[in-house]
Amino acid sequence: MAFFLDKQREMLLLLLLLLMLLILSPPLIQADLNLIKTLCRNSDTPATCMKCVTSSENALVLNSVGIATSLVDCTDDQAKILGASMEELATNSSNDTRKPIYQTCANDYRRNIPPFLVSAKFSLREHNYEAAEYYVLKARRLDLYCHRDIESYKDEVQDEVYFNMTRFEEFADSACRIIEKIYA
């Protein structure tokens, strides 16, 4: 009988301890959202940064490297959108001067930028943050060249394309800011 009472006390004590841990532990979701907010506040466009990171299916369990990786993923998604937009512009353009510019931009967004972003994510996983930032900046540079080259073609380029270019830049810049914060 004494053995049975000791087991009951142990179980009751264990249950009480678990209950206290649940009640007194800080809310993990809030802590993760606070980390996202803190890191995104360091970017030039915190709202865009927050929207990208919180759209990730595992946003609430991301650490700072995961948040930077999520932003690189959003940058990559924008590159795909821009590649398709530039391809469409090249296909529909009857201007022999503009067509090769659109084709170059499409090639950059579809073929040249993605490997840089893959390398950035690999570097983040390997904790090589300077290399990660370098690769994001290489992708960003190609975007800037394209943006500069089509800036004067507002009559032919839809506002949506410029909006997507701005989003690409915001995601890439936010990723760089967070990466800098990680290794600073």
N, C-alpha and C. Protein backbone atom coordinates (compact mmCIF):
# COMPACT_ATOMS: atom_id res chain seq x y z
N MET A 1 0.82 -1.19 0.00
CA MET A 1 0.00 0.00 0.00
C MET A 1 0.86 1.26 0.00
N ALA A 2 1.95 1.23 0.76
CA ALA A 2 2.85 2.37 0.82
C ALA A 2 3.47 2.64 -0.55
N PHE A 3 3.77 1.55 -1.27
CA PHE A 3 4.34 1.68 -2.61
C PHE A 3 3.36 2.41 -3.54
N PHE A 4 2.08 2.05 -3.44
CA PHE A 4 1.04 2.66 -4.26
C PHE A 4 0.90 4.15 -3.96
N LEU A 5 0.95 4.54 -2.68
CA LEU A 5 0.84 5.94 -2.28
C LEU A 5 2.05 6.74 -2.76
N ASP A 6 3.23 6.14 -2.70
CA ASP A 6 4.44 6.82 -3.19
C ASP A 6 4.33 7.10 -4.69
N LYS A 7 3.82 6.14 -5.44
CA LYS A 7 3.65 6.31 -6.88
C LYS A 7 2.63 7.40 -7.18
N GLN A 8 1.56 7.45 -6.38
CA GLN A 8 0.55 8.49 -6.58
C GLN A 8 1.15 9.87 -6.31
N ARG A 9 1.93 9.98 -5.26
CA ARG A 9 2.57 11.26 -4.93
C ARG A 9 3.53 11.68 -6.05
N GLU A 10 4.29 10.72 -6.55
CA GLU A 10 5.23 11.02 -7.64
C GLU A 10 4.47 11.52 -8.87
N MET A 11 3.40 10.85 -9.21
CA MET A 11 2.61 11.24 -10.38
C MET A 11 1.98 12.61 -10.17
N LEU A 12 1.46 12.87 -8.98
CA LEU A 12 0.85 14.15 -8.66
C LEU A 12 1.89 15.26 -8.71
N LEU A 13 3.06 14.99 -8.16
CA LEU A 13 4.15 15.96 -8.18
C LEU A 13 4.60 16.25 -9.62
N LEU A 14 4.72 15.22 -10.42
CA LEU A 14 5.11 15.37 -11.82
C LEU A 14 4.06 16.17 -12.59
N LEU A 15 2.80 15.87 -12.35
CA LEU A 15 1.72 16.58 -13.00
C LEU A 15 1.71 18.05 -12.59
N LEU A 16 1.91 18.32 -11.33
CA LEU A 16 1.97 19.68 -10.82
C LEU A 16 3.15 20.44 -11.44
N LEU A 17 4.28 19.79 -11.54
CA LEU A 17 5.47 20.40 -12.14
C LEU A 17 5.23 20.73 -13.61
N LEU A 18 4.64 19.81 -14.35
CA LEU A 18 4.33 20.06 -15.76
C LEU A 18 3.34 21.20 -15.92
N LEU A 19 2.34 21.24 -15.06
CA LEU A 19 1.35 22.30 -15.11
C LEU A 19 2.01 23.66 -14.84
N MET A 20 2.90 23.72 -13.88
CA MET A 20 3.61 24.97 -13.58
C MET A 20 4.47 25.40 -14.77
N LEU A 21 5.12 24.45 -15.41
CA LEU A 21 5.94 24.79 -16.58
C LEU A 21 5.10 25.37 -17.70
N LEU A 22 3.93 24.78 -17.91
CA LEU A 22 3.05 25.28 -18.96
C LEU A 22 2.53 26.67 -18.65
N ILE A 23 2.19 26.90 -17.41
CA ILE A 23 1.62 28.18 -17.02
C ILE A 23 2.69 29.27 -16.97
N LEU A 24 3.85 28.96 -16.46
CA LEU A 24 4.87 29.97 -16.24
C LEU A 24 5.83 30.18 -17.41
N SER A 25 5.84 29.26 -18.37
CA SER A 25 6.78 29.42 -19.49
C SER A 25 6.33 30.55 -20.40
N PRO A 26 7.28 31.30 -20.97
CA PRO A 26 6.92 32.41 -21.86
C PRO A 26 6.31 31.86 -23.15
N PRO A 27 5.41 32.59 -23.72
CA PRO A 27 4.79 32.11 -24.96
C PRO A 27 5.82 32.11 -26.10
N LEU A 28 6.07 30.93 -26.64
CA LEU A 28 7.08 30.80 -27.69
C LEU A 28 6.70 31.53 -28.96
N ILE A 29 5.44 31.52 -29.29
CA ILE A 29 5.00 32.19 -30.51
C ILE A 29 5.29 33.67 -30.42
N GLN A 30 4.99 34.27 -29.29
CA GLN A 30 5.25 35.70 -29.11
C GLN A 30 6.73 36.00 -29.21
N ALA A 31 7.55 35.13 -28.63
CA ALA A 31 8.99 35.34 -28.68
C ALA A 31 9.48 35.30 -30.12
N ASP A 32 8.98 34.37 -30.92
CA ASP A 32 9.40 34.27 -32.31
C ASP A 32 8.93 35.47 -33.12
N LEU A 33 7.70 35.92 -32.88
CA LEU A 33 7.21 37.11 -33.57
C LEU A 33 8.04 38.33 -33.16
N ASN A 34 8.44 38.38 -31.91
CA ASN A 34 9.29 39.49 -31.47
C ASN A 34 10.63 39.47 -32.18
N LEU A 35 11.20 38.28 -32.37
CA LEU A 35 12.47 38.18 -33.11
C LEU A 35 12.29 38.66 -34.54
N ILE A 36 11.21 38.23 -35.19
CA ILE A 36 10.94 38.66 -36.57
C ILE A 36 10.79 40.17 -36.62
N LYS A 37 9.99 40.72 -35.70
CA LYS A 37 9.79 42.18 -35.68
C LYS A 37 11.09 42.92 -35.45
N THR A 38 11.88 42.44 -34.51
CA THR A 38 13.15 43.09 -34.20
C THR A 38 14.08 43.10 -35.40
N LEU A 39 14.22 41.95 -36.04
CA LEU A 39 15.12 41.87 -37.20
C LEU A 39 14.57 42.66 -38.38
N CYS A 40 13.28 42.58 -38.62
CA CYS A 40 12.70 43.32 -39.75
C CYS A 40 12.75 44.83 -39.54
N ARG A 41 12.72 45.26 -38.29
CA ARG A 41 12.82 46.69 -38.01
C ARG A 41 14.16 47.26 -38.46
N ASN A 42 15.17 46.41 -38.54
CA ASN A 42 16.49 46.86 -38.99
C ASN A 42 16.56 47.05 -40.50
N SER A 43 15.56 46.57 -41.22
CA SER A 43 15.56 46.74 -42.68
C SER A 43 14.95 48.09 -43.03
N ASP A 44 15.16 48.50 -44.27
CA ASP A 44 14.58 49.77 -44.71
C ASP A 44 13.08 49.67 -44.94
N THR A 45 12.59 48.45 -45.13
CA THR A 45 11.17 48.23 -45.40
C THR A 45 10.63 47.15 -44.46
N PRO A 46 10.42 47.49 -43.18
CA PRO A 46 9.99 46.49 -42.21
C PRO A 46 8.68 45.79 -42.57
N ALA A 47 7.73 46.50 -43.16
CA ALA A 47 6.44 45.88 -43.48
C ALA A 47 6.62 44.79 -44.54
N THR A 48 7.43 45.07 -45.54
CA THR A 48 7.68 44.07 -46.59
C THR A 48 8.42 42.87 -46.01
N CYS A 49 9.38 43.13 -45.16
CA CYS A 49 10.14 42.07 -44.50
C CYS A 49 9.20 41.19 -43.67
N MET A 50 8.36 41.81 -42.87
CA MET A 50 7.41 41.07 -42.03
C MET A 50 6.47 40.22 -42.87
N LYS A 51 5.97 40.81 -43.95
CA LYS A 51 5.02 40.09 -44.81
C LYS A 51 5.68 38.84 -45.40
N CYS A 52 6.91 38.98 -45.84
CA CYS A 52 7.63 37.84 -46.40
C CYS A 52 7.84 36.76 -45.35
N VAL A 53 8.41 37.14 -44.23
CA VAL A 53 8.80 36.14 -43.22
C VAL A 53 7.57 35.46 -42.62
N THR A 54 6.54 36.23 -42.32
CA THR A 54 5.36 35.62 -41.70
C THR A 54 4.56 34.78 -42.69
N SER A 55 4.82 34.93 -43.98
CA SER A 55 4.14 34.08 -44.96
C SER A 55 4.77 32.69 -45.04
N SER A 56 5.93 32.54 -44.44
CA SER A 56 6.60 31.24 -44.41
C SER A 56 5.80 30.28 -43.54
N GLU A 57 5.66 29.04 -43.98
CA GLU A 57 4.86 28.07 -43.22
C GLU A 57 5.46 27.76 -41.85
N ASN A 58 6.75 27.96 -41.69
CA ASN A 58 7.38 27.68 -40.39
C ASN A 58 7.91 28.96 -39.74
N ALA A 59 7.25 30.07 -40.00
CA ALA A 59 7.71 31.38 -39.52
C ALA A 59 7.91 31.42 -38.01
N LEU A 60 7.04 30.77 -37.28
CA LEU A 60 7.06 30.90 -35.82
C LEU A 60 8.18 30.10 -35.16
N VAL A 61 8.91 29.32 -35.92
CA VAL A 61 10.02 28.56 -35.34
C VAL A 61 11.36 28.96 -35.95
N LEU A 62 11.38 30.05 -36.71
CA LEU A 62 12.62 30.47 -37.37
C LEU A 62 13.55 31.20 -36.40
N ASN A 63 14.83 30.91 -36.52
CA ASN A 63 15.83 31.72 -35.83
C ASN A 63 16.28 32.81 -36.81
N SER A 64 17.29 33.58 -36.46
CA SER A 64 17.70 34.69 -37.32
C SER A 64 18.20 34.21 -38.68
N VAL A 65 18.90 33.08 -38.72
CA VAL A 65 19.35 32.53 -40.00
C VAL A 65 18.15 32.08 -40.83
N GLY A 66 17.16 31.49 -40.20
CA GLY A 66 15.94 31.08 -40.89
C GLY A 66 15.18 32.26 -41.45
N ILE A 67 15.17 33.36 -40.72
CA ILE A 67 14.50 34.57 -41.19
C ILE A 67 15.22 35.11 -42.42
N ALA A 68 16.55 35.16 -42.38
CA ALA A 68 17.32 35.61 -43.55
C ALA A 68 17.08 34.68 -44.74
N THR A 69 17.04 33.38 -44.49
CA THR A 69 16.80 32.41 -45.55
C THR A 69 15.41 32.61 -46.16
N SER A 70 14.44 32.88 -45.31
CA SER A 70 13.08 33.14 -45.79
C SER A 70 13.05 34.35 -46.72
N LEU A 71 13.80 35.38 -46.38
CA LEU A 71 13.87 36.57 -47.24
C LEU A 71 14.57 36.27 -48.56
N VAL A 72 15.58 35.41 -48.53
CA VAL A 72 16.23 35.00 -49.78
C VAL A 72 15.23 34.22 -50.64
N ASP A 73 14.41 33.39 -50.00
CA ASP A 73 13.37 32.66 -50.74
C ASP A 73 12.38 33.62 -51.40
N CYS A 74 11.97 34.64 -50.68
CA CYS A 74 11.05 35.64 -51.25
C CYS A 74 11.71 36.37 -52.41
N THR A 75 13.00 36.67 -52.28
CA THR A 75 13.74 37.31 -53.37
C THR A 75 13.74 36.40 -54.59
N ASP A 76 13.96 35.12 -54.37
CA ASP A 76 13.96 34.14 -55.46
C ASP A 76 12.59 34.06 -56.13
N ASP A 77 11.54 34.07 -55.33
CA ASP A 77 10.18 34.05 -55.89
C ASP A 77 9.94 35.27 -56.78
N GLN A 78 10.40 36.43 -56.33
CA GLN A 78 10.26 37.65 -57.13
C GLN A 78 11.06 37.55 -58.42
N ALA A 79 12.23 36.93 -58.36
CA ALA A 79 13.05 36.76 -59.57
C ALA A 79 12.29 35.92 -60.60
N LYS A 80 11.60 34.89 -60.15
CA LYS A 80 10.82 34.05 -61.07
C LYS A 80 9.70 34.86 -61.72
N ILE A 81 9.02 35.66 -60.91
CA ILE A 81 7.94 36.50 -61.44
C ILE A 81 8.49 37.48 -62.46
N LEU A 82 9.62 38.11 -62.12
CA LEU A 82 10.22 39.09 -63.02
C LEU A 82 10.76 38.45 -64.29
N GLY A 83 11.29 37.25 -64.18
CA GLY A 83 11.77 36.55 -65.37
C GLY A 83 10.64 36.32 -66.36
N ALA A 84 9.48 35.90 -65.85
CA ALA A 84 8.32 35.69 -66.72
C ALA A 84 7.83 37.01 -67.31
N SER A 85 7.82 38.06 -66.51
CA SER A 85 7.37 39.37 -66.99
C SER A 85 8.29 39.90 -68.09
N MET A 86 9.59 39.75 -67.88
CA MET A 86 10.55 40.24 -68.88
C MET A 86 10.47 39.41 -70.17
N GLU A 87 10.24 38.13 -70.03
CA GLU A 87 10.09 37.27 -71.21
C GLU A 87 8.87 37.70 -72.01
N GLU A 88 7.80 38.01 -71.30
CA GLU A 88 6.58 38.48 -71.96
C GLU A 88 6.82 39.81 -72.66
N LEU A 89 7.53 40.72 -72.00
CA LEU A 89 7.85 42.00 -72.63
C LEU A 89 8.69 41.79 -73.90
N ALA A 90 9.67 40.90 -73.83
CA ALA A 90 10.53 40.63 -74.98
C ALA A 90 9.71 40.04 -76.13
N THR A 91 8.80 39.15 -75.80
CA THR A 91 7.98 38.51 -76.83
C THR A 91 7.04 39.51 -77.49
N ASN A 92 6.47 40.41 -76.70
CA ASN A 92 5.47 41.34 -77.22
C ASN A 92 6.06 42.63 -77.78
N SER A 93 7.34 42.87 -77.57
CA SER A 93 7.94 44.13 -78.03
C SER A 93 8.26 44.07 -79.52
N SER A 94 7.87 45.13 -80.21
CA SER A 94 8.20 45.23 -81.63
C SER A 94 9.39 46.17 -81.84
N ASN A 95 9.89 46.71 -80.74
CA ASN A 95 11.02 47.64 -80.81
C ASN A 95 12.32 46.85 -80.76
N ASP A 96 13.11 46.96 -81.83
CA ASP A 96 14.36 46.19 -81.93
C ASP A 96 15.42 46.64 -80.94
N THR A 97 15.30 47.82 -80.39
CA THR A 97 16.25 48.30 -79.38
C THR A 97 15.91 47.74 -78.00
N ARG A 98 14.63 47.70 -77.70
CA ARG A 98 14.18 47.28 -76.37
C ARG A 98 14.18 45.76 -76.20
N LYS A 99 13.84 45.06 -77.24
CA LYS A 99 13.69 43.59 -77.18
C LYS A 99 14.92 42.91 -76.57
N PRO A 100 16.16 43.22 -77.04
CA PRO A 100 17.32 42.55 -76.43
C PRO A 100 17.53 42.92 -74.96
N ILE A 101 17.11 44.11 -74.58
CA ILE A 101 17.23 44.52 -73.17
C ILE A 101 16.29 43.67 -72.32
N TYR A 102 15.06 43.50 -72.78
CA TYR A 102 14.11 42.66 -72.05
C TYR A 102 14.61 41.21 -71.99
N GLN A 103 15.19 40.73 -73.09
CA GLN A 103 15.70 39.36 -73.12
C GLN A 103 16.86 39.19 -72.14
N THR A 104 17.73 40.19 -72.06
CA THR A 104 18.84 40.13 -71.10
C THR A 104 18.30 40.10 -69.68
N CYS A 105 17.32 40.95 -69.40
CA CYS A 105 16.72 40.98 -68.06
C CYS A 105 16.05 39.63 -67.75
N ALA A 106 15.32 39.09 -68.71
CA ALA A 106 14.66 37.79 -68.50
C ALA A 106 15.71 36.73 -68.19
N ASN A 107 16.80 36.74 -68.93
CA ASN A 107 17.87 35.78 -68.71
C ASN A 107 18.50 35.95 -67.32
N ASP A 108 18.69 37.20 -66.93
CA ASP A 108 19.26 37.45 -65.59
C ASP A 108 18.34 36.93 -64.50
N TYR A 109 17.06 37.27 -64.58
CA TYR A 109 16.12 36.85 -63.53
C TYR A 109 15.89 35.34 -63.53
N ARG A 110 15.90 34.72 -64.70
CA ARG A 110 15.61 33.29 -64.78
C ARG A 110 16.83 32.40 -64.60
N ARG A 111 17.99 32.85 -65.10
CA ARG A 111 19.15 31.96 -65.12
C ARG A 111 20.33 32.43 -64.28
N ASN A 112 20.56 33.72 -64.22
CA ASN A 112 21.76 34.21 -63.54
C ASN A 112 21.56 34.50 -62.06
N ILE A 113 20.41 35.02 -61.71
CA ILE A 113 20.14 35.37 -60.31
C ILE A 113 19.90 34.14 -59.43
N PRO A 114 19.09 33.15 -59.86
CA PRO A 114 18.82 32.00 -58.97
C PRO A 114 20.05 31.29 -58.42
N PRO A 115 21.11 31.05 -59.20
CA PRO A 115 22.28 30.40 -58.60
C PRO A 115 22.93 31.22 -57.47
N PHE A 116 22.90 32.54 -57.61
CA PHE A 116 23.44 33.38 -56.53
C PHE A 116 22.61 33.20 -55.26
N LEU A 117 21.30 33.13 -55.42
CA LEU A 117 20.43 32.99 -54.25
C LEU A 117 20.54 31.60 -53.63
N VAL A 118 20.72 30.58 -54.45
CA VAL A 118 20.97 29.23 -53.93
C VAL A 118 22.27 29.23 -53.14
N SER A 119 23.30 29.87 -53.67
CA SER A 119 24.58 29.96 -52.97
C SER A 119 24.45 30.73 -51.66
N ALA A 120 23.61 31.76 -51.67
CA ALA A 120 23.38 32.53 -50.44
C ALA A 120 22.74 31.65 -49.37
N LYS A 121 21.75 30.85 -49.76
CA LYS A 121 21.09 29.97 -48.78
C LYS A 121 22.05 28.90 -48.27
N PHE A 122 22.86 28.36 -49.17
CA PHE A 122 23.86 27.37 -48.75
C PHE A 122 24.84 28.00 -47.76
N SER A 123 25.29 29.21 -48.07
CA SER A 123 26.23 29.91 -47.18
C SER A 123 25.61 30.19 -45.83
N LEU A 124 24.33 30.53 -45.80
CA LEU A 124 23.64 30.73 -44.52
C LEU A 124 23.62 29.45 -43.71
N ARG A 125 23.31 28.32 -44.37
CA ARG A 125 23.30 27.03 -43.67
C ARG A 125 24.67 26.68 -43.11
N GLU A 126 25.71 27.09 -43.83
CA GLU A 126 27.09 26.79 -43.41
C GLU A 126 27.64 27.86 -42.45
N HIS A 127 26.82 28.83 -42.10
CA HIS A 127 27.20 29.93 -41.20
C HIS A 127 28.32 30.80 -41.79
N ASN A 128 28.36 30.87 -43.11
CA ASN A 128 29.32 31.74 -43.81
C ASN A 128 28.54 32.98 -44.24
N TYR A 129 28.33 33.88 -43.29
CA TYR A 129 27.41 35.00 -43.49
C TYR A 129 27.94 36.05 -44.46
N GLU A 130 29.23 36.27 -44.46
CA GLU A 130 29.79 37.23 -45.41
C GLU A 130 29.57 36.75 -46.84
N ALA A 131 29.76 35.46 -47.08
CA ALA A 131 29.53 34.90 -48.42
C ALA A 131 28.05 35.00 -48.77
N ALA A 132 27.17 34.74 -47.81
CA ALA A 132 25.73 34.83 -48.07
C ALA A 132 25.36 36.24 -48.51
N GLU A 133 25.86 37.22 -47.79
CA GLU A 133 25.57 38.61 -48.16
C GLU A 133 26.14 38.94 -49.54
N TYR A 134 27.34 38.46 -49.81
CA TYR A 134 27.98 38.68 -51.11
C TYR A 134 27.09 38.16 -52.24
N TYR A 135 26.56 36.96 -52.09
CA TYR A 135 25.73 36.37 -53.15
C TYR A 135 24.41 37.12 -53.33
N VAL A 136 23.81 37.55 -52.24
CA VAL A 136 22.58 38.34 -52.36
C VAL A 136 22.88 39.66 -53.06
N LEU A 137 24.01 40.27 -52.74
CA LEU A 137 24.39 41.52 -53.39
C LEU A 137 24.67 41.33 -54.88
N LYS A 138 25.23 40.19 -55.25
CA LYS A 138 25.46 39.89 -56.68
C LYS A 138 24.12 39.81 -57.41
N ALA A 139 23.15 39.15 -56.81
CA ALA A 139 21.81 39.07 -57.41
C ALA A 139 21.19 40.46 -57.50
N ARG A 140 21.36 41.22 -56.45
CA ARG A 140 20.81 42.59 -56.40
C ARG A 140 21.42 43.47 -57.48
N ARG A 141 22.70 43.30 -57.74
CA ARG A 141 23.38 44.10 -58.76
C ARG A 141 22.78 43.83 -60.14
N LEU A 142 22.52 42.57 -60.46
CA LEU A 142 21.90 42.25 -61.75
C LEU A 142 20.51 42.88 -61.86
N ASP A 143 19.77 42.86 -60.77
CA ASP A 143 18.46 43.51 -60.75
C ASP A 143 18.60 45.01 -61.00
N LEU A 144 19.58 45.63 -60.37
CA LEU A 144 19.78 47.07 -60.56
C LEU A 144 20.11 47.41 -62.00
N TYR A 145 20.93 46.59 -62.64
CA TYR A 145 21.25 46.83 -64.05
C TYR A 145 19.99 46.79 -64.90
N CYS A 146 19.16 45.81 -64.65
CA CYS A 146 17.92 45.68 -65.41
C CYS A 146 17.00 46.87 -65.13
N HIS A 147 16.86 47.21 -63.88
CA HIS A 147 15.99 48.33 -63.50
C HIS A 147 16.46 49.61 -64.20
N ARG A 148 17.76 49.83 -64.18
CA ARG A 148 18.32 51.02 -64.84
C ARG A 148 18.05 50.98 -66.35
N ASP A 149 18.23 49.81 -66.95
CA ASP A 149 18.08 49.70 -68.40
C ASP A 149 16.65 49.90 -68.89
N ILE A 150 15.67 49.53 -68.10
CA ILE A 150 14.28 49.68 -68.56
C ILE A 150 13.59 50.91 -67.98
N GLU A 151 14.27 51.66 -67.16
CA GLU A 151 13.67 52.82 -66.49
C GLU A 151 13.02 53.78 -67.48
N SER A 152 13.62 53.97 -68.62
CA SER A 152 13.10 54.95 -69.58
C SER A 152 11.99 54.39 -70.47
N TYR A 153 11.59 53.14 -70.26
CA TYR A 153 10.57 52.52 -71.11
C TYR A 153 9.22 52.43 -70.41
N LYS A 154 8.91 53.41 -69.62
CA LYS A 154 7.67 53.38 -68.83
C LYS A 154 6.41 53.27 -69.71
N ASP A 155 6.53 53.71 -70.95
CA ASP A 155 5.37 53.62 -71.85
C ASP A 155 5.03 52.17 -72.21
N GLU A 156 6.03 51.28 -72.15
CA GLU A 156 5.81 49.90 -72.57
C GLU A 156 5.78 48.92 -71.38
N VAL A 157 6.43 49.30 -70.30
CA VAL A 157 6.55 48.41 -69.14
C VAL A 157 5.43 48.72 -68.15
N GLN A 158 4.69 47.69 -67.78
CA GLN A 158 3.56 47.87 -66.86
C GLN A 158 4.07 48.26 -65.47
N ASP A 159 3.23 48.98 -64.75
CA ASP A 159 3.56 49.38 -63.38
C ASP A 159 3.82 48.16 -62.50
N GLU A 160 3.12 47.07 -62.77
CA GLU A 160 3.29 45.85 -61.98
C GLU A 160 4.73 45.33 -62.04
N VAL A 161 5.37 45.50 -63.19
CA VAL A 161 6.76 45.06 -63.33
C VAL A 161 7.66 45.89 -62.42
N TYR A 162 7.45 47.20 -62.42
CA TYR A 162 8.24 48.07 -61.54
C TYR A 162 7.96 47.76 -60.07
N PHE A 163 6.70 47.48 -59.76
CA PHE A 163 6.33 47.09 -58.39
C PHE A 163 7.08 45.83 -57.98
N ASN A 164 7.11 44.82 -58.87
CA ASN A 164 7.80 43.57 -58.56
C ASN A 164 9.31 43.77 -58.46
N MET A 165 9.85 44.68 -59.24
CA MET A 165 11.28 44.99 -59.12
C MET A 165 11.57 45.63 -57.76
N THR A 166 10.69 46.51 -57.35
CA THR A 166 10.85 47.14 -56.03
C THR A 166 10.76 46.10 -54.93
N ARG A 167 9.83 45.16 -55.05
CA ARG A 167 9.71 44.08 -54.06
C ARG A 167 10.98 43.24 -54.01
N PHE A 168 11.51 42.90 -55.19
CA PHE A 168 12.76 42.14 -55.26
C PHE A 168 13.84 42.87 -54.47
N GLU A 169 13.96 44.17 -54.73
CA GLU A 169 14.99 44.98 -54.06
C GLU A 169 14.76 45.04 -52.56
N GLU A 170 13.50 45.18 -52.15
CA GLU A 170 13.20 45.24 -50.72
C GLU A 170 13.53 43.92 -50.02
N PHE A 171 13.16 42.80 -50.64
CA PHE A 171 13.47 41.50 -50.05
C PHE A 171 14.98 41.29 -49.96
N ALA A 172 15.69 41.59 -51.04
CA ALA A 172 17.14 41.40 -51.07
C ALA A 172 17.82 42.30 -50.04
N ASP A 173 17.40 43.56 -49.99
CA ASP A 173 18.00 44.49 -49.03
C ASP A 173 17.71 44.07 -47.59
N SER A 174 16.50 43.60 -47.33
CA SER A 174 16.16 43.13 -45.98
C SER A 174 17.01 41.92 -45.61
N ALA A 175 17.18 41.01 -46.56
CA ALA A 175 18.03 39.83 -46.30
C ALA A 175 19.45 40.27 -45.95
N CYS A 176 19.98 41.22 -46.71
CA CYS A 176 21.35 41.70 -46.43
C CYS A 176 21.45 42.34 -45.06
N ARG A 177 20.46 43.15 -44.70
CA ARG A 177 20.48 43.81 -43.38
C ARG A 177 20.48 42.79 -42.25
N ILE A 178 19.66 41.77 -42.40
CA ILE A 178 19.57 40.75 -41.35
C ILE A 178 20.85 39.92 -41.30
N ILE A 179 21.38 39.59 -42.47
CA ILE A 179 22.65 38.84 -42.50
C ILE A 179 23.75 39.66 -41.84
N GLU A 180 23.80 40.96 -42.13
CA GLU A 180 24.79 41.83 -41.49
C GLU A 180 24.63 41.81 -39.98
N LYS A 181 23.39 41.83 -39.53
CA LYS A 181 23.10 41.82 -38.09
C LYS A 181 23.57 40.51 -37.45
N ILE A 182 23.47 39.40 -38.20
CA ILE A 182 23.87 38.10 -37.66
C ILE A 182 25.37 38.06 -37.41
N TYR A 183 26.16 38.55 -38.36
CA TYR A 183 27.61 38.40 -38.20
C TYR A 183 28.29 39.65 -37.67
N ALA A 184 27.51 40.66 -37.34
CA ALA A 184 28.12 41.89 -36.80
C ALA A 184 28.52 41.72 -35.35
